[in-house]
Amino acid sequence: MAAAQGNLGRVPGDEVPPPPERIRAKPLRHPGRTAWAAVIVFSLFLFIYGAATNAAYDWDTYFQYLFDQRFWQAAGITLLLTVLSMVLGVTLGVILAVMRLTPNRIMQSVSWGYVWIFRGTPVYVQLVFWGLFSTIYPRLDFGIPFVEQFFTIETAAFAENVFWLAVIGLSLNEAAYMAEIVRGGIQSVDEGQSEAATALGMSRALALRLVILPQAMRAIIPPTGNEVISMLKTTSLVTAVPYTFDLYARARDLSVETFNPVPMLLIASTWYLLFTSILMVGQHYLERHFARGASRIMSDRQLQALADAEDDNLLKDAK
């Protein structure tokens, strides 16, 4: 009876079409890519096997000193040098970038001259000068020239605390590069954003902090991440100050002590690689955070949800 009632009002020959079959896309085959991948994997295997069986690497000594107290203490000092230098460098770089973008000609010239000097000279030479700071300037006099001297600072004490001289040298050099990175990021934001902020009654500083910089971060974060990683390895140059407690200096000292430089350099490289990997992960999450709502590329989960929704719509239309 139910079947008969369901057939009432149905025109003969008017049957419900079957639901459409799901389309399963098959990826194209690329035999050339597969062959090249096999060649690369085989070459990598040969390299790893050769390194593992090469007696010159002295892997026994490598594992013996890998977690030596002198190495992980030096690794901590290297990380501290990197963090302090980047914090000061980024802060000064933002100030220099804002000075460069102001309509004041004097501030523009000062910022441009700073970037010109510190980017145009090698960081090693700059660190050597900071190591000779107390020799070049035995004392610092503060006051009004030719009128009155307020107080004097003897710089001999600076030579005893070379750690901060190394931090100052690295951060001042880094500020020149960060100034250009921040300036490029700010200029990448459409001018209409600042005009809209001004129309809302925001001051220039407030618009920069709340409107311009959050959007500029998408362009600032990737090169800044590269600068952090580069700074981590640039700390090996602080021996020019001279500061001899960083990771590379410790590896060099132990190389002289053990008469076996190769495993010591491998240990230093391992610590550098560990820190670099951690920084790269942090950079990835920062980029993803500031890129929210800006990317048009859909993830695999979003594409699958879109395909399922399209299939549901087709089933509804078929019914």
C-alpha atoms as a PDB file:
ATOM      1  CA  MET A   1       0.000   0.000   0.000  1.00  0.00           C
ATOM      2  CA  ALA A   2       2.856   2.409   0.934  1.00  0.00           C
ATOM      3  CA  ALA A   3       4.605   1.641  -2.341  1.00  0.00           C
ATOM      4  CA  ALA A   4       1.404   2.266  -4.262  1.00  0.00           C
ATOM      5  CA  GLN A   5       0.852   5.599  -2.548  1.00  0.00           C
ATOM      6  CA  GLY A   6       4.442   6.605  -3.275  1.00  0.00           C
ATOM      7  CA  ASN A   7       3.863   5.972  -6.985  1.00  0.00           C
ATOM      8  CA  LEU A   8       0.721   8.168  -7.134  1.00  0.00           C
ATOM      9  CA  GLY A   9       1.194  11.345  -9.166  1.00  0.00           C
ATOM     10  CA  ARG A  10       4.329  10.062 -10.839  1.00  0.00           C
ATOM     11  CA  VAL A  11       4.415  10.218 -14.629  1.00  0.00           C
ATOM     12  CA  PRO A  12       5.243   6.887 -16.272  1.00  0.00           C
ATOM     13  CA  GLY A  13       8.863   6.808 -17.297  1.00  0.00           C
ATOM     14  CA  ASP A  14       9.760   9.557 -14.831  1.00  0.00           C
ATOM     15  CA  GLU A  15      12.273   7.658 -12.721  1.00  0.00           C
ATOM     16  CA  VAL A  16      14.626   9.054 -10.087  1.00  0.00           C
ATOM     17  CA  PRO A  17      18.126   9.235 -11.575  1.00  0.00           C
ATOM     18  CA  PRO A  18      20.842   7.434  -9.659  1.00  0.00           C
ATOM     19  CA  PRO A  19      23.149   9.633  -7.600  1.00  0.00           C
ATOM     20  CA  PRO A  20      26.263  10.778  -9.456  1.00  0.00           C
ATOM     21  CA  GLU A  21      29.426   8.858  -8.846  1.00  0.00           C
ATOM     22  CA  ARG A  22      32.233  10.554  -7.019  1.00  0.00           C
ATOM     23  CA  ILE A  23      35.037  11.573  -9.332  1.00  0.00           C
ATOM     24  CA  ARG A  24      38.359  10.220  -8.187  1.00  0.00           C
ATOM     25  CA  ALA A  25      41.186  12.190  -9.741  1.00  0.00           C
ATOM     26  CA  LYS A  26      44.313  10.197 -10.460  1.00  0.00           C
ATOM     27  CA  PRO A  27      47.604  12.091 -10.367  1.00  0.00           C
ATOM     28  CA  LEU A  28      49.721  12.122 -13.487  1.00  0.00           C
ATOM     29  CA  ARG A  29      52.734   9.892 -13.462  1.00  0.00           C
ATOM     30  CA  HIS A  30      56.142  11.485 -13.798  1.00  0.00           C
ATOM     31  CA  PRO A  31      58.730   8.770 -14.435  1.00  0.00           C
ATOM     32  CA  GLY A  32      61.475  11.369 -14.898  1.00  0.00           C
ATOM     33  CA  ARG A  33      60.911  12.777 -11.429  1.00  0.00           C
ATOM     34  CA  THR A  34      60.915   9.305  -9.943  1.00  0.00           C
ATOM     35  CA  ALA A  35      64.221   8.497 -11.630  1.00  0.00           C
ATOM     36  CA  TRP A  36      65.835  11.732 -10.404  1.00  0.00           C
ATOM     37  CA  ALA A  37      64.518  11.108  -6.892  1.00  0.00           C
ATOM     38  CA  ALA A  38      66.064   7.640  -6.933  1.00  0.00           C
ATOM     39  CA  VAL A  39      69.408   9.083  -8.064  1.00  0.00           C
ATOM     40  CA  ILE A  40      69.325  11.710  -5.291  1.00  0.00           C
ATOM     41  CA  VAL A  41      68.446   9.165  -2.607  1.00  0.00           C
ATOM     42  CA  PHE A  42      71.204   6.827  -3.776  1.00  0.00           C
ATOM     43  CA  SER A  43      73.752   9.672  -3.812  1.00  0.00           C
ATOM     44  CA  LEU A  44      72.686  10.699  -0.317  1.00  0.00           C
ATOM     45  CA  PHE A  45      73.102   7.125   0.862  1.00  0.00           C
ATOM     46  CA  LEU A  46      76.610   6.993  -0.599  1.00  0.00           C
ATOM     47  CA  PHE A  47      77.536  10.266   1.127  1.00  0.00           C
ATOM     48  CA  ILE A  48      76.207   9.116   4.521  1.00  0.00           C
ATOM     49  CA  TYR A  49      77.915   5.750   4.187  1.00  0.00           C
ATOM     50  CA  GLY A  50      81.201   7.406   3.209  1.00  0.00           C
ATOM     51  CA  ALA A  51      81.037   9.812   6.147  1.00  0.00           C
ATOM     52  CA  ALA A  52      80.135   7.037   8.583  1.00  0.00           C
ATOM     53  CA  THR A  53      83.070   4.866   7.518  1.00  0.00           C
ATOM     54  CA  ASN A  54      85.643   7.659   7.127  1.00  0.00           C
ATOM     55  CA  ALA A  55      88.171   7.400   9.957  1.00  0.00           C
ATOM     56  CA  ALA A  56      89.072  11.096   9.635  1.00  0.00           C
ATOM     57  CA  TYR A  57      85.750  12.102  11.196  1.00  0.00           C
ATOM     58  CA  ASP A  58      86.614  10.117  14.351  1.00  0.00           C
ATOM     59  CA  TRP A  59      83.016   9.514  15.436  1.00  0.00           C
ATOM     60  CA  ASP A  60      84.125   8.027  18.769  1.00  0.00           C
ATOM     61  CA  THR A  61      85.651  11.357  19.788  1.00  0.00           C
ATOM     62  CA  TYR A  62      82.605  13.154  18.392  1.00  0.00           C
ATOM     63  CA  PHE A  63      80.179  11.290  20.651  1.00  0.00           C
ATOM     64  CA  GLN A  64      82.581  11.537  23.577  1.00  0.00           C
ATOM     65  CA  TYR A  65      82.650  15.372  23.489  1.00  0.00           C
ATOM     66  CA  LEU A  66      79.178  16.068  22.030  1.00  0.00           C
ATOM     67  CA  PHE A  67      77.572  16.755  25.430  1.00  0.00           C
ATOM     68  CA  ASP A  68      80.732  17.871  27.159  1.00  0.00           C
ATOM     69  CA  GLN A  69      80.076  20.580  29.729  1.00  0.00           C
ATOM     70  CA  ARG A  70      82.375  23.023  27.951  1.00  0.00           C
ATOM     71  CA  PHE A  71      80.408  22.667  24.739  1.00  0.00           C
ATOM     72  CA  TRP A  72      76.903  23.106  26.119  1.00  0.00           C
ATOM     73  CA  GLN A  73      78.016  26.072  28.225  1.00  0.00           C
ATOM     74  CA  ALA A  74      79.516  27.659  25.117  1.00  0.00           C
ATOM     75  CA  ALA A  75      76.292  26.862  23.243  1.00  0.00           C
ATOM     76  CA  GLY A  76      74.308  28.725  25.912  1.00  0.00           C
ATOM     77  CA  ILE A  77      76.604  31.750  25.626  1.00  0.00           C
ATOM     78  CA  THR A  78      76.231  31.702  21.832  1.00  0.00           C
ATOM     79  CA  LEU A  79      72.448  31.632  22.167  1.00  0.00           C
ATOM     80  CA  LEU A  80      72.546  34.499  24.682  1.00  0.00           C
ATOM     81  CA  LEU A  81      74.728  36.546  22.339  1.00  0.00           C
ATOM     82  CA  THR A  82      72.252  35.935  19.530  1.00  0.00           C
ATOM     83  CA  VAL A  83      69.158  36.882  21.543  1.00  0.00           C
ATOM     84  CA  LEU A  84      70.618  40.064  23.058  1.00  0.00           C
ATOM     85  CA  SER A  85      72.132  41.221  19.780  1.00  0.00           C
ATOM     86  CA  MET A  86      68.895  40.646  17.867  1.00  0.00           C
ATOM     87  CA  VAL A  87      66.702  42.378  20.463  1.00  0.00           C
ATOM     88  CA  LEU A  88      68.901  45.476  20.435  1.00  0.00           C
ATOM     89  CA  GLY A  89      69.388  45.297  16.672  1.00  0.00           C
ATOM     90  CA  VAL A  90      65.664  45.009  15.902  1.00  0.00           C
ATOM     91  CA  THR A  91      64.795  47.829  18.303  1.00  0.00           C
ATOM     92  CA  LEU A  92      67.366  50.192  16.815  1.00  0.00           C
ATOM     93  CA  GLY A  93      66.472  49.034  13.297  1.00  0.00           C
ATOM     94  CA  VAL A  94      62.804  49.986  13.787  1.00  0.00           C
ATOM     95  CA  ILE A  95      63.852  53.433  15.035  1.00  0.00           C
ATOM     96  CA  LEU A  96      66.160  53.927  12.040  1.00  0.00           C
ATOM     97  CA  ALA A  97      63.444  52.788   9.609  1.00  0.00           C
ATOM     98  CA  VAL A  98      60.937  55.260  11.066  1.00  0.00           C
ATOM     99  CA  MET A  99      63.573  58.014  10.889  1.00  0.00           C
ATOM    100  CA  ARG A 100      64.174  57.161   7.233  1.00  0.00           C
ATOM    101  CA  LEU A 101      60.455  57.464   6.442  1.00  0.00           C
ATOM    102  CA  THR A 102      59.885  60.764   8.226  1.00  0.00           C
ATOM    103  CA  PRO A 103      59.725  63.989   6.175  1.00  0.00           C
ATOM    104  CA  ASN A 104      62.538  65.467   8.310  1.00  0.00           C
ATOM    105  CA  ARG A 105      65.629  65.724   6.095  1.00  0.00           C
ATOM    106  CA  ILE A 106      68.102  65.616   8.974  1.00  0.00           C
ATOM    107  CA  MET A 107      66.640  62.414  10.438  1.00  0.00           C
ATOM    108  CA  GLN A 108      66.554  60.855   6.975  1.00  0.00           C
ATOM    109  CA  SER A 109      70.217  61.741   6.414  1.00  0.00           C
ATOM    110  CA  VAL A 110      71.304  60.383   9.803  1.00  0.00           C
ATOM    111  CA  SER A 111      69.471  57.096   9.206  1.00  0.00           C
ATOM    112  CA  TRP A 112      70.842  56.771   5.674  1.00  0.00           C
ATOM    113  CA  GLY A 113      74.400  57.531   6.841  1.00  0.00           C
ATOM    114  CA  TYR A 114      74.178  54.945   9.632  1.00  0.00           C
ATOM    115  CA  VAL A 115      72.986  52.246   7.232  1.00  0.00           C
ATOM    116  CA  TRP A 116      75.642  53.240   4.694  1.00  0.00           C
ATOM    117  CA  ILE A 117      78.512  52.921   7.182  1.00  0.00           C
ATOM    118  CA  PHE A 118      77.480  49.746   9.010  1.00  0.00           C
ATOM    119  CA  ARG A 119      76.383  47.862   5.892  1.00  0.00           C
ATOM    120  CA  GLY A 120      79.397  49.013   3.905  1.00  0.00           C
ATOM    121  CA  THR A 121      82.073  47.759   6.299  1.00  0.00           C
ATOM    122  CA  PRO A 122      82.709  44.135   7.352  1.00  0.00           C
ATOM    123  CA  VAL A 123      81.297  43.093  10.697  1.00  0.00           C
ATOM    124  CA  TYR A 124      84.652  41.535  11.595  1.00  0.00           C
ATOM    125  CA  VAL A 125      86.382  44.902  11.190  1.00  0.00           C
ATOM    126  CA  GLN A 126      83.688  46.564  13.309  1.00  0.00           C
ATOM    127  CA  LEU A 127      84.210  44.012  16.072  1.00  0.00           C
ATOM    128  CA  VAL A 128      87.970  44.619  15.976  1.00  0.00           C
ATOM    129  CA  PHE A 129      87.330  48.337  16.489  1.00  0.00           C
ATOM    130  CA  TRP A 130      85.078  47.573  19.461  1.00  0.00           C
ATOM    131  CA  GLY A 131      87.857  45.441  20.909  1.00  0.00           C
ATOM    132  CA  LEU A 132      90.178  48.460  20.600  1.00  0.00           C
ATOM    133  CA  PHE A 133      87.582  50.877  21.977  1.00  0.00           C
ATOM    134  CA  SER A 134      89.422  51.541  25.245  1.00  0.00           C
ATOM    135  CA  THR A 135      92.644  52.144  23.295  1.00  0.00           C
ATOM    136  CA  ILE A 136      91.067  54.568  20.846  1.00  0.00           C
ATOM    137  CA  TYR A 137      89.055  56.371  23.537  1.00  0.00           C
ATOM    138  CA  PRO A 138      90.867  56.104  26.899  1.00  0.00           C
ATOM    139  CA  ARG A 139      88.153  58.260  28.457  1.00  0.00           C
ATOM    140  CA  LEU A 140      84.789  59.762  27.555  1.00  0.00           C
ATOM    141  CA  ASP A 141      84.143  63.388  28.502  1.00  0.00           C
ATOM    142  CA  PHE A 142      80.543  64.597  28.789  1.00  0.00           C
ATOM    143  CA  GLY A 143      79.635  68.255  28.844  1.00  0.00           C
ATOM    144  CA  ILE A 144      79.374  71.365  26.705  1.00  0.00           C
ATOM    145  CA  PRO A 145      82.394  71.697  24.380  1.00  0.00           C
ATOM    146  CA  PHE A 146      84.725  74.577  25.290  1.00  0.00           C
ATOM    147  CA  VAL A 147      82.356  75.612  28.099  1.00  0.00           C
ATOM    148  CA  GLU A 148      81.943  73.098  30.885  1.00  0.00           C
ATOM    149  CA  GLN A 149      82.695  69.419  31.506  1.00  0.00           C
ATOM    150  CA  PHE A 150      80.127  67.570  33.569  1.00  0.00           C
ATOM    151  CA  PHE A 151      81.768  64.176  34.154  1.00  0.00           C
ATOM    152  CA  THR A 152      84.308  61.740  32.721  1.00  0.00           C
ATOM    153  CA  ILE A 153      84.172  57.960  32.242  1.00  0.00           C
ATOM    154  CA  GLU A 154      87.367  55.925  32.118  1.00  0.00           C
ATOM    155  CA  THR A 155      86.978  53.235  29.425  1.00  0.00           C
ATOM    156  CA  ALA A 156      89.618  50.877  30.822  1.00  0.00           C
ATOM    157  CA  ALA A 157      86.830  48.932  32.560  1.00  0.00           C
ATOM    158  CA  PHE A 158      85.191  48.238  29.190  1.00  0.00           C
ATOM    159  CA  ALA A 159      88.155  46.122  28.115  1.00  0.00           C
ATOM    160  CA  GLU A 160      87.502  43.760  31.019  1.00  0.00           C
ATOM    161  CA  ASN A 161      83.849  43.126  30.053  1.00  0.00           C
ATOM    162  CA  VAL A 162      84.246  42.121  26.412  1.00  0.00           C
ATOM    163  CA  PHE A 163      80.929  40.243  26.387  1.00  0.00           C
ATOM    164  CA  TRP A 164      78.955  43.487  26.211  1.00  0.00           C
ATOM    165  CA  LEU A 165      81.376  44.920  23.681  1.00  0.00           C
ATOM    166  CA  ALA A 166      80.592  41.902  21.492  1.00  0.00           C
ATOM    167  CA  VAL A 167      76.837  42.419  21.980  1.00  0.00           C
ATOM    168  CA  ILE A 168      77.107  46.117  21.105  1.00  0.00           C
ATOM    169  CA  GLY A 169      79.194  45.408  18.018  1.00  0.00           C
ATOM    170  CA  LEU A 170      76.832  42.730  16.717  1.00  0.00           C
ATOM    171  CA  SER A 171      73.651  44.685  17.481  1.00  0.00           C
ATOM    172  CA  LEU A 172      74.836  47.924  15.862  1.00  0.00           C
ATOM    173  CA  ASN A 173      75.748  46.040  12.707  1.00  0.00           C
ATOM    174  CA  GLU A 174      72.448  44.147  12.707  1.00  0.00           C
ATOM    175  CA  ALA A 175      70.454  47.367  13.163  1.00  0.00           C
ATOM    176  CA  ALA A 176      71.584  48.576   9.727  1.00  0.00           C
ATOM    177  CA  TYR A 177      70.130  45.493   8.026  1.00  0.00           C
ATOM    178  CA  MET A 178      66.963  45.465  10.130  1.00  0.00           C
ATOM    179  CA  ALA A 179      66.356  49.129   9.268  1.00  0.00           C
ATOM    180  CA  GLU A 180      66.126  48.255   5.583  1.00  0.00           C
ATOM    181  CA  ILE A 181      63.983  45.190   6.258  1.00  0.00           C
ATOM    182  CA  VAL A 182      61.502  47.160   8.373  1.00  0.00           C
ATOM    183  CA  ARG A 183      61.471  50.055   5.901  1.00  0.00           C
ATOM    184  CA  GLY A 184      60.685  47.686   3.039  1.00  0.00           C
ATOM    185  CA  GLY A 185      57.936  46.019   5.071  1.00  0.00           C
ATOM    186  CA  ILE A 186      56.304  49.351   5.941  1.00  0.00           C
ATOM    187  CA  GLN A 187      56.440  50.531   2.349  1.00  0.00           C
ATOM    188  CA  SER A 188      54.822  47.280   1.176  1.00  0.00           C
ATOM    189  CA  VAL A 189      51.581  48.279   2.942  1.00  0.00           C
ATOM    190  CA  ASP A 190      49.156  50.146   0.691  1.00  0.00           C
ATOM    191  CA  GLU A 191      49.091  53.903   1.293  1.00  0.00           C
ATOM    192  CA  GLY A 192      45.324  53.755   1.579  1.00  0.00           C
ATOM    193  CA  GLN A 193      45.724  52.068   4.956  1.00  0.00           C
ATOM    194  CA  SER A 194      47.530  55.061   6.458  1.00  0.00           C
ATOM    195  CA  GLU A 195      45.077  57.432   4.795  1.00  0.00           C
ATOM    196  CA  ALA A 196      42.155  55.537   6.305  1.00  0.00           C
ATOM    197  CA  ALA A 197      43.815  55.612   9.746  1.00  0.00           C
ATOM    198  CA  THR A 198      44.336  59.369   9.425  1.00  0.00           C
ATOM    199  CA  ALA A 199      40.699  59.795   8.413  1.00  0.00           C
ATOM    200  CA  LEU A 200      39.690  57.994  11.612  1.00  0.00           C
ATOM    201  CA  GLY A 201      41.614  60.546  13.629  1.00  0.00           C
ATOM    202  CA  MET A 202      44.662  58.422  14.467  1.00  0.00           C
ATOM    203  CA  SER A 203      48.022  60.070  14.972  1.00  0.00           C
ATOM    204  CA  ARG A 204      50.972  59.003  12.839  1.00  0.00           C
ATOM    205  CA  ALA A 205      52.488  56.966  15.689  1.00  0.00           C
ATOM    206  CA  LEU A 206      49.173  55.287  16.530  1.00  0.00           C
ATOM    207  CA  ALA A 207      48.482  54.437  12.892  1.00  0.00           C
ATOM    208  CA  LEU A 208      51.967  52.981  12.564  1.00  0.00           C
ATOM    209  CA  ARG A 209      51.541  50.810  15.650  1.00  0.00           C
ATOM    210  CA  LEU A 210      47.961  49.609  15.123  1.00  0.00           C
ATOM    211  CA  VAL A 211      47.506  49.609  11.346  1.00  0.00           C
ATOM    212  CA  ILE A 212      50.760  49.677   9.380  1.00  0.00           C
ATOM    213  CA  LEU A 213      53.143  47.457  11.360  1.00  0.00           C
ATOM    214  CA  PRO A 214      50.694  44.529  11.875  1.00  0.00           C
ATOM    215  CA  GLN A 215      50.231  44.338   8.100  1.00  0.00           C
ATOM    216  CA  ALA A 216      53.908  44.898   7.401  1.00  0.00           C
ATOM    217  CA  MET A 217      54.844  41.943   9.603  1.00  0.00           C
ATOM    218  CA  ARG A 218      53.999  39.561   6.760  1.00  0.00           C
ATOM    219  CA  ALA A 219      56.881  41.067   4.786  1.00  0.00           C
ATOM    220  CA  ILE A 220      59.163  41.618   7.783  1.00  0.00           C
ATOM    221  CA  ILE A 221      59.081  38.182   9.462  1.00  0.00           C
ATOM    222  CA  PRO A 222      60.734  36.024   6.708  1.00  0.00           C
ATOM    223  CA  PRO A 223      63.877  38.179   6.235  1.00  0.00           C
ATOM    224  CA  THR A 224      64.066  38.788   9.993  1.00  0.00           C
ATOM    225  CA  GLY A 225      64.090  35.024  10.535  1.00  0.00           C
ATOM    226  CA  ASN A 226      66.992  34.790   8.119  1.00  0.00           C
ATOM    227  CA  GLU A 227      68.791  37.538  10.044  1.00  0.00           C
ATOM    228  CA  VAL A 228      68.335  35.676  13.340  1.00  0.00           C
ATOM    229  CA  ILE A 229      69.804  32.517  11.854  1.00  0.00           C
ATOM    230  CA  SER A 230      72.630  34.527  10.294  1.00  0.00           C
ATOM    231  CA  MET A 231      73.292  36.237  13.634  1.00  0.00           C
ATOM    232  CA  LEU A 232      73.583  32.838  15.316  1.00  0.00           C
ATOM    233  CA  LYS A 233      76.484  31.991  13.029  1.00  0.00           C
ATOM    234  CA  THR A 234      77.953  35.502  13.017  1.00  0.00           C
ATOM    235  CA  THR A 235      78.614  35.132  16.748  1.00  0.00           C
ATOM    236  CA  SER A 236      81.592  32.994  15.760  1.00  0.00           C
ATOM    237  CA  LEU A 237      83.336  36.258  14.790  1.00  0.00           C
ATOM    238  CA  VAL A 238      83.332  37.685  18.325  1.00  0.00           C
ATOM    239  CA  THR A 239      86.865  36.338  18.718  1.00  0.00           C
ATOM    240  CA  ALA A 240      87.837  39.624  17.050  1.00  0.00           C
ATOM    241  CA  VAL A 241      86.777  41.586  20.180  1.00  0.00           C
ATOM    242  CA  PRO A 242      88.295  39.261  21.557  1.00  0.00           C
ATOM    243  CA  TYR A 243      85.672  37.132  23.284  1.00  0.00           C
ATOM    244  CA  THR A 244      86.650  33.463  23.473  1.00  0.00           C
ATOM    245  CA  PHE A 245      83.762  31.735  25.228  1.00  0.00           C
ATOM    246  CA  ASP A 246      81.382  31.223  22.303  1.00  0.00           C
ATOM    247  CA  LEU A 247      80.743  27.920  20.575  1.00  0.00           C
ATOM    248  CA  TYR A 248      83.249  28.257  17.753  1.00  0.00           C
ATOM    249  CA  ALA A 249      86.019  29.494  20.070  1.00  0.00           C
ATOM    250  CA  ARG A 250      85.401  26.550  22.395  1.00  0.00           C
ATOM    251  CA  ALA A 251      85.626  24.110  19.474  1.00  0.00           C
ATOM    252  CA  ARG A 252      88.877  25.741  18.369  1.00  0.00           C
ATOM    253  CA  ASP A 253      90.370  25.535  21.863  1.00  0.00           C
ATOM    254  CA  LEU A 254      89.437  21.869  22.228  1.00  0.00           C
ATOM    255  CA  SER A 255      90.878  21.183  18.781  1.00  0.00           C
ATOM    256  CA  VAL A 256      94.238  22.457  20.000  1.00  0.00           C
ATOM    257  CA  GLU A 257      93.884  20.488  23.224  1.00  0.00           C
ATOM    258  CA  THR A 258      93.020  17.157  21.557  1.00  0.00           C
ATOM    259  CA  PHE A 259      95.015  17.675  18.317  1.00  0.00           C
ATOM    260  CA  ASN A 260      91.857  16.495  16.540  1.00  0.00           C
ATOM    261  CA  PRO A 261      90.004  19.441  14.933  1.00  0.00           C
ATOM    262  CA  VAL A 262      87.540  17.577  12.690  1.00  0.00           C
ATOM    263  CA  PRO A 263      85.240  16.055  15.360  1.00  0.00           C
ATOM    264  CA  MET A 264      85.316  19.310  17.344  1.00  0.00           C
ATOM    265  CA  LEU A 265      84.162  21.273  14.329  1.00  0.00           C
ATOM    266  CA  LEU A 266      81.466  18.664  13.721  1.00  0.00           C
ATOM    267  CA  ILE A 267      80.228  19.105  17.305  1.00  0.00           C
ATOM    268  CA  ALA A 268      80.071  22.886  16.903  1.00  0.00           C
ATOM    269  CA  SER A 269      78.194  22.427  13.625  1.00  0.00           C
ATOM    270  CA  THR A 270      75.743  20.077  15.339  1.00  0.00           C
ATOM    271  CA  TRP A 271      74.920  22.663  18.008  1.00  0.00           C
ATOM    272  CA  TYR A 272      74.547  25.396  15.396  1.00  0.00           C
ATOM    273  CA  LEU A 273      72.268  23.121  13.362  1.00  0.00           C
ATOM    274  CA  LEU A 274      70.142  22.332  16.420  1.00  0.00           C
ATOM    275  CA  PHE A 275      69.574  26.009  17.227  1.00  0.00           C
ATOM    276  CA  THR A 276      68.936  26.812  13.573  1.00  0.00           C
ATOM    277  CA  SER A 277      66.284  24.093  13.341  1.00  0.00           C
ATOM    278  CA  ILE A 278      64.494  25.429  16.426  1.00  0.00           C
ATOM    279  CA  LEU A 279      64.575  28.965  15.031  1.00  0.00           C
ATOM    280  CA  MET A 280      63.208  27.784  11.679  1.00  0.00           C
ATOM    281  CA  VAL A 281      60.253  26.118  13.419  1.00  0.00           C
ATOM    282  CA  GLY A 282      59.536  29.305  15.344  1.00  0.00           C
ATOM    283  CA  GLN A 283      59.775  31.353  12.150  1.00  0.00           C
ATOM    284  CA  HIS A 284      57.274  29.031  10.451  1.00  0.00           C
ATOM    285  CA  TYR A 285      54.652  29.525  13.155  1.00  0.00           C
ATOM    286  CA  LEU A 286      55.215  33.280  13.232  1.00  0.00           C
ATOM    287  CA  GLU A 287      54.742  33.502   9.465  1.00  0.00           C
ATOM    288  CA  ARG A 288      51.568  31.437   9.685  1.00  0.00           C
ATOM    289  CA  HIS A 289      50.233  33.633  12.507  1.00  0.00           C
ATOM    290  CA  PHE A 290      50.711  36.918  10.660  1.00  0.00           C
ATOM    291  CA  ALA A 291      49.536  35.454   7.327  1.00  0.00           C
ATOM    292  CA  ARG A 292      46.057  34.603   8.624  1.00  0.00           C
ATOM    293  CA  GLY A 293      43.402  35.877   6.249  1.00  0.00           C
ATOM    294  CA  ALA A 294      45.963  36.989   3.665  1.00  0.00           C
ATOM    295  CA  SER A 295      46.575  33.752   1.754  1.00  0.00           C
ATOM    296  CA  ARG A 296      44.266  32.555  -1.037  1.00  0.00           C
ATOM    297  CA  ILE A 297      45.776  29.086  -1.098  1.00  0.00           C
ATOM    298  CA  MET A 298      43.460  26.473   0.415  1.00  0.00           C
ATOM    299  CA  SER A 299      44.767  23.677   2.567  1.00  0.00           C
ATOM    300  CA  ASP A 300      44.085  20.013   1.768  1.00  0.00           C
ATOM    301  CA  ARG A 301      41.441  19.876   4.505  1.00  0.00           C
ATOM    302  CA  GLN A 302      39.660  22.933   3.082  1.00  0.00           C
ATOM    303  CA  LEU A 303      39.739  21.508  -0.431  1.00  0.00           C
ATOM    304  CA  GLN A 304      38.326  18.193   0.797  1.00  0.00           C
ATOM    305  CA  ALA A 305      35.537  19.973   2.686  1.00  0.00           C
ATOM    306  CA  LEU A 306      34.709  21.956  -0.446  1.00  0.00           C
ATOM    307  CA  ALA A 307      34.577  18.780  -2.540  1.00  0.00           C
ATOM    308  CA  ASP A 308      32.310  17.053   0.004  1.00  0.00           C
ATOM    309  CA  ALA A 309      29.974  20.042   0.026  1.00  0.00           C
ATOM    310  CA  GLU A 310      29.800  19.968  -3.773  1.00  0.00           C
ATOM    311  CA  ASP A 311      28.964  16.257  -3.707  1.00  0.00           C
ATOM    312  CA  ASP A 312      26.178  16.893  -1.179  1.00  0.00           C
ATOM    313  CA  ASN A 313      24.722  19.591  -3.412  1.00  0.00           C
ATOM    314  CA  LEU A 314      24.737  17.218  -6.386  1.00  0.00           C
ATOM    315  CA  LEU A 315      22.910  14.561  -4.346  1.00  0.00           C
ATOM    316  CA  LYS A 316      20.281  17.083  -3.269  1.00  0.00           C
ATOM    317  CA  ASP A 317      19.763  18.211  -6.862  1.00  0.00           C
ATOM    318  CA  ALA A 318      19.391  14.602  -7.974  1.00  0.00           C
ATOM    319  CA  LYS A 319      16.629  14.011  -5.414  1.00  0.00           C
END
